Amino acid sequence: MKVLDELLKKVYFFYPIGCWEYRKNYPGYLQIEKIIENKINNEVNNPTSVFNHFINEVNTEIKGLKIENRSYYQFPNYIANISLKEQVNDIGILKENMIICISLLADFYTIFFEEQFLIESKQKLRIQDKSSFHIYSFETFLDTENSPIVDIIKKKIASFFPDKKYVSHYLIKNFIVGGFAPYGEEYSYELGQVKYSLFDFLFFANPLIPRPAKILL
């Protein structure tokens, strides 16, 4: 509960929950914009920035895997994708990725698997089958094959980001907050039934991920 309390306080600090129209005058929300502006203008293309340095270190230790730095996203985080597997069959392509996500709004980071199945149509156009999109939490899904990679990542994060603590993706993805939308997404009172998680508010709000994404035990 202590971790959830800390994260929920951060949500209310940065977002005027329940007052969508007030966001452009809310100090916390304005601070989010400054954090993103600094990341995009001063860090993303700077090879000496801390996250780019972190990516280079991980890339040196993890051989044979493609690492993509996605921190160009307009969200207050550092995020990277490690491609673990890609299998092609007659139906489509199955991709398995490991996602590293470090929040710039809270002193936490998370790591999780993303499994995506892309169906290839007769016209060779790929469409995402939303029912086949899965997200795994390390605390509820045992992955012995990739545990050495996880250990390397956690050690590097402890070195480059000593103030960041690990939090289970399963925990933050299943704690829901209503009455507002994460930065970069629109909120409608008519669509108030759309709920967002602590992960969406503080770590990464990706409109390409169907809601609700499938969380597997």
Protein backbone atom coordinates (compact mmCIF):
# COMPACT_ATOMS: atom_id res chain seq x y z
CA MET A 1 0.00 0.00 0.00
CA LYS A 2 2.90 2.38 0.62
CA VAL A 3 3.94 2.20 -3.04
CA LEU A 4 0.36 2.75 -4.23
CA ASP A 5 -0.05 5.72 -1.88
CA GLU A 6 3.12 7.30 -3.23
CA LEU A 7 2.11 6.79 -6.84
CA LEU A 8 -1.45 8.02 -6.30
CA LYS A 9 -0.13 11.20 -4.66
CA LYS A 10 1.96 11.80 -7.79
CA VAL A 11 -1.11 11.43 -10.00
CA TYR A 12 -2.96 14.08 -8.00
CA PHE A 13 0.12 16.31 -7.91
CA PHE A 14 0.49 16.39 -11.69
CA TYR A 15 -3.14 16.00 -12.81
CA PRO A 16 -6.23 17.99 -11.69
CA ILE A 17 -8.37 14.85 -11.40
CA GLY A 18 -12.02 15.60 -12.07
CA CYS A 19 -11.30 19.08 -13.52
CA TRP A 20 -10.31 18.50 -17.15
CA GLU A 21 -10.86 22.13 -18.22
CA TYR A 22 -8.46 23.36 -15.51
CA ARG A 23 -5.44 21.42 -16.76
CA LYS A 24 -3.81 24.37 -18.59
CA ASN A 25 -3.81 26.35 -15.35
CA TYR A 26 -2.78 23.52 -13.04
CA PRO A 27 0.85 23.85 -11.83
CA GLY A 28 1.50 20.12 -11.92
CA TYR A 29 0.19 19.71 -15.45
CA LEU A 30 2.28 22.64 -16.63
CA GLN A 31 5.29 20.97 -15.03
CA ILE A 32 4.65 17.87 -17.14
CA GLU A 33 4.93 20.02 -20.26
CA LYS A 34 8.27 21.42 -19.06
CA ILE A 35 9.61 17.92 -18.31
CA ILE A 36 8.71 16.74 -21.81
CA GLU A 37 10.11 19.90 -23.42
CA ASN A 38 13.43 19.38 -21.65
CA LYS A 39 13.56 15.72 -22.64
CA ILE A 40 12.83 16.38 -26.32
CA ASN A 41 15.00 19.48 -26.71
CA ASN A 42 17.99 18.61 -24.53
CA GLU A 43 18.19 14.85 -24.08
CA VAL A 44 16.76 12.75 -26.91
CA ASN A 45 19.43 13.65 -29.48
CA ASN A 46 22.22 14.22 -26.97
CA PRO A 47 24.58 11.20 -26.99
CA THR A 48 25.86 12.16 -23.52
CA SER A 49 22.40 12.25 -21.89
CA VAL A 50 21.91 9.79 -19.06
CA PHE A 51 19.35 7.59 -20.81
CA ASN A 52 21.30 7.41 -24.07
CA HIS A 53 24.35 6.45 -22.04
CA PHE A 54 22.24 3.81 -20.27
CA ILE A 55 21.05 2.40 -23.63
CA ASN A 56 24.64 2.16 -24.90
CA GLU A 57 25.75 0.31 -21.76
CA VAL A 58 22.86 -2.18 -22.00
CA ASN A 59 23.53 -2.65 -25.71
CA THR A 60 27.16 -3.49 -24.93
CA GLU A 61 26.23 -6.19 -22.42
CA ILE A 62 23.27 -7.73 -24.25
CA LYS A 63 24.61 -9.18 -27.48
CA GLY A 64 22.53 -10.10 -30.49
CA LEU A 65 19.34 -8.28 -29.50
CA LYS A 66 17.93 -5.13 -31.08
CA ILE A 67 17.37 -2.29 -28.60
CA GLU A 68 15.20 0.64 -29.67
CA ASN A 69 15.24 3.89 -27.72
CA ARG A 70 11.67 5.24 -27.77
CA SER A 71 12.19 8.28 -25.58
CA TYR A 72 11.18 10.54 -28.45
CA TYR A 73 7.57 9.90 -27.41
CA GLN A 74 5.81 13.02 -26.12
CA PHE A 75 5.38 11.65 -22.61
CA PRO A 76 7.33 12.25 -19.37
CA ASN A 77 9.32 9.04 -19.35
CA TYR A 78 12.32 7.16 -20.67
CA ILE A 79 11.29 4.06 -22.58
CA ALA A 80 13.11 1.40 -24.59
CA ASN A 81 12.14 -1.76 -26.42
CA ILE A 82 14.26 -4.93 -26.58
CA SER A 83 13.22 -7.30 -29.38
CA LEU A 84 13.43 -10.83 -28.02
CA LYS A 85 11.78 -12.96 -30.69
CA GLU A 86 10.04 -12.68 -34.05
CA GLN A 87 8.30 -15.67 -35.60
CA VAL A 88 6.69 -15.68 -39.04
CA ASN A 89 4.05 -18.21 -40.09
CA ASP A 90 1.29 -18.51 -42.70
CA ILE A 91 -1.07 -16.31 -40.69
CA GLY A 92 1.19 -13.47 -39.65
CA ILE A 93 4.02 -12.40 -37.37
CA LEU A 94 4.41 -12.97 -33.64
CA LYS A 95 6.67 -10.47 -31.87
CA GLU A 96 7.89 -10.69 -28.28
CA ASN A 97 9.44 -7.57 -26.75
CA MET A 98 10.76 -6.53 -23.38
CA ILE A 99 9.84 -2.97 -22.42
CA ILE A 100 11.85 -0.81 -20.01
CA CYS A 101 9.90 2.20 -18.77
CA ILE A 102 11.28 4.81 -16.34
CA SER A 103 8.81 7.41 -15.08
CA LEU A 104 9.85 11.06 -14.94
CA LEU A 105 6.87 11.84 -12.71
CA ALA A 106 7.60 9.33 -9.95
CA ASP A 107 10.67 7.63 -8.50
CA PHE A 108 9.84 4.28 -10.08
CA TYR A 109 10.49 2.18 -13.15
CA THR A 110 8.93 -0.99 -14.48
CA ILE A 111 9.85 -3.80 -16.88
CA PHE A 112 7.38 -6.01 -18.71
CA PHE A 113 6.85 -8.22 -21.73
CA GLU A 114 4.83 -7.15 -24.73
CA GLU A 115 3.61 -9.88 -27.05
CA GLN A 116 2.04 -8.77 -30.31
CA PHE A 117 0.51 -10.76 -33.12
CA LEU A 118 0.20 -9.08 -36.53
CA ILE A 119 -2.13 -10.64 -39.08
CA GLU A 120 -1.12 -10.34 -42.73
CA SER A 121 -4.09 -9.88 -45.07
CA LYS A 122 -4.42 -11.11 -48.64
CA GLN A 123 -3.37 -7.65 -49.79
CA LYS A 124 -0.20 -7.97 -47.67
CA LEU A 125 -1.44 -5.25 -45.32
CA ARG A 126 -0.72 -5.90 -41.67
CA ILE A 127 -3.36 -5.17 -39.08
CA GLN A 128 -3.08 -5.56 -35.35
CA ASP A 129 -5.32 -8.23 -33.86
CA LYS A 130 -6.26 -6.51 -30.61
CA SER A 131 -7.48 -9.74 -29.05
CA SER A 132 -3.96 -11.14 -29.37
CA PHE A 133 -2.16 -8.28 -27.67
CA HIS A 134 -0.73 -9.35 -24.32
CA ILE A 135 1.27 -7.75 -21.54
CA TYR A 136 3.04 -9.80 -18.91
CA SER A 137 4.18 -8.83 -15.44
CA PHE A 138 7.42 -10.28 -14.14
CA GLU A 139 5.92 -10.83 -10.69
CA THR A 140 3.17 -13.07 -12.01
CA PHE A 141 4.82 -14.57 -15.07
CA LEU A 142 7.94 -16.67 -14.64
CA ASP A 143 10.39 -16.16 -17.49
CA THR A 144 13.58 -18.06 -16.73
CA GLU A 145 14.91 -17.74 -20.28
CA ASN A 146 15.20 -13.94 -20.10
CA SER A 147 15.90 -13.49 -16.38
CA PRO A 148 19.65 -12.81 -17.00
CA ILE A 149 18.66 -9.87 -19.23
CA VAL A 150 16.36 -8.54 -16.53
CA ASP A 151 19.17 -8.76 -13.98
CA ILE A 152 21.48 -6.76 -16.27
CA ILE A 153 18.85 -4.08 -16.82
CA LYS A 154 18.06 -3.72 -13.12
CA LYS A 155 21.76 -3.37 -12.25
CA LYS A 156 22.24 -0.72 -14.93
CA ILE A 157 19.20 1.22 -13.77
CA ALA A 158 20.50 1.12 -10.20
CA SER A 159 23.77 2.59 -11.50
CA PHE A 160 22.37 5.30 -13.79
CA PHE A 161 19.15 6.06 -11.90
CA PRO A 162 19.86 5.32 -8.21
CA ASP A 163 16.70 7.16 -7.09
CA LYS A 164 14.41 4.89 -9.14
CA LYS A 165 12.76 1.84 -7.58
CA TYR A 166 11.23 -1.13 -9.36
CA VAL A 167 7.45 -1.51 -9.30
CA SER A 168 5.48 -4.42 -10.72
CA HIS A 169 3.77 -3.62 -14.00
CA TYR A 170 0.88 -5.85 -13.00
CA LEU A 171 0.28 -3.72 -9.89
CA ILE A 172 0.28 -0.31 -11.59
CA LYS A 173 -1.64 -1.50 -14.64
CA ASN A 174 -4.48 -2.82 -12.51
CA PHE A 175 -4.89 0.23 -10.22
CA ILE A 176 -7.45 2.40 -12.02
CA VAL A 177 -8.03 6.16 -11.70
CA GLY A 178 -11.10 7.90 -13.17
CA GLY A 179 -12.05 11.50 -13.87
CA PHE A 180 -9.17 12.51 -16.12
CA ALA A 181 -6.92 11.37 -18.96
CA PRO A 182 -3.13 10.90 -19.08
CA TYR A 183 -0.99 13.53 -20.75
CA GLY A 184 -1.34 13.39 -24.52
CA GLU A 185 -4.84 11.90 -24.50
CA GLU A 186 -8.22 13.60 -24.59
CA TYR A 187 -10.89 13.29 -21.92
CA SER A 188 -14.63 13.49 -22.47
CA TYR A 189 -17.22 13.56 -19.71
CA GLU A 190 -19.55 11.73 -22.08
CA LEU A 191 -16.94 8.98 -22.29
CA GLY A 192 -16.27 8.99 -18.57
CA GLN A 193 -16.51 5.22 -18.51
CA VAL A 194 -13.03 5.10 -20.07
CA LYS A 195 -10.67 4.47 -17.16
CA TYR A 196 -6.92 4.78 -16.97
CA SER A 197 -4.34 3.11 -14.78
CA LEU A 198 -1.44 4.40 -12.70
CA PHE A 199 0.76 3.08 -15.49
CA ASP A 200 -1.09 5.23 -18.05
CA PHE A 201 -0.81 8.39 -15.94
CA LEU A 202 2.77 8.10 -14.69
CA PHE A 203 4.68 5.71 -16.95
CA PHE A 204 3.30 5.56 -20.47
CA ALA A 205 -0.03 6.30 -22.16
CA ASN A 206 0.11 4.60 -25.54
CA PRO A 207 -3.00 5.13 -27.69
CA LEU A 208 -1.93 2.18 -29.86
CA ILE A 209 -2.49 -0.23 -26.98
CA PRO A 210 -6.12 -1.39 -26.93
CA ARG A 211 -8.08 -0.75 -23.72
CA PRO A 212 -8.16 -2.76 -21.70
CA ALA A 213 -4.89 -4.45 -22.65
CA LYS A 214 -4.76 -8.07 -21.67
CA ILE A 215 -2.82 -8.69 -18.44
CA LEU A 216 -1.88 -12.33 -18.07
CA LEU A 217 -1.22 -14.07 -14.75
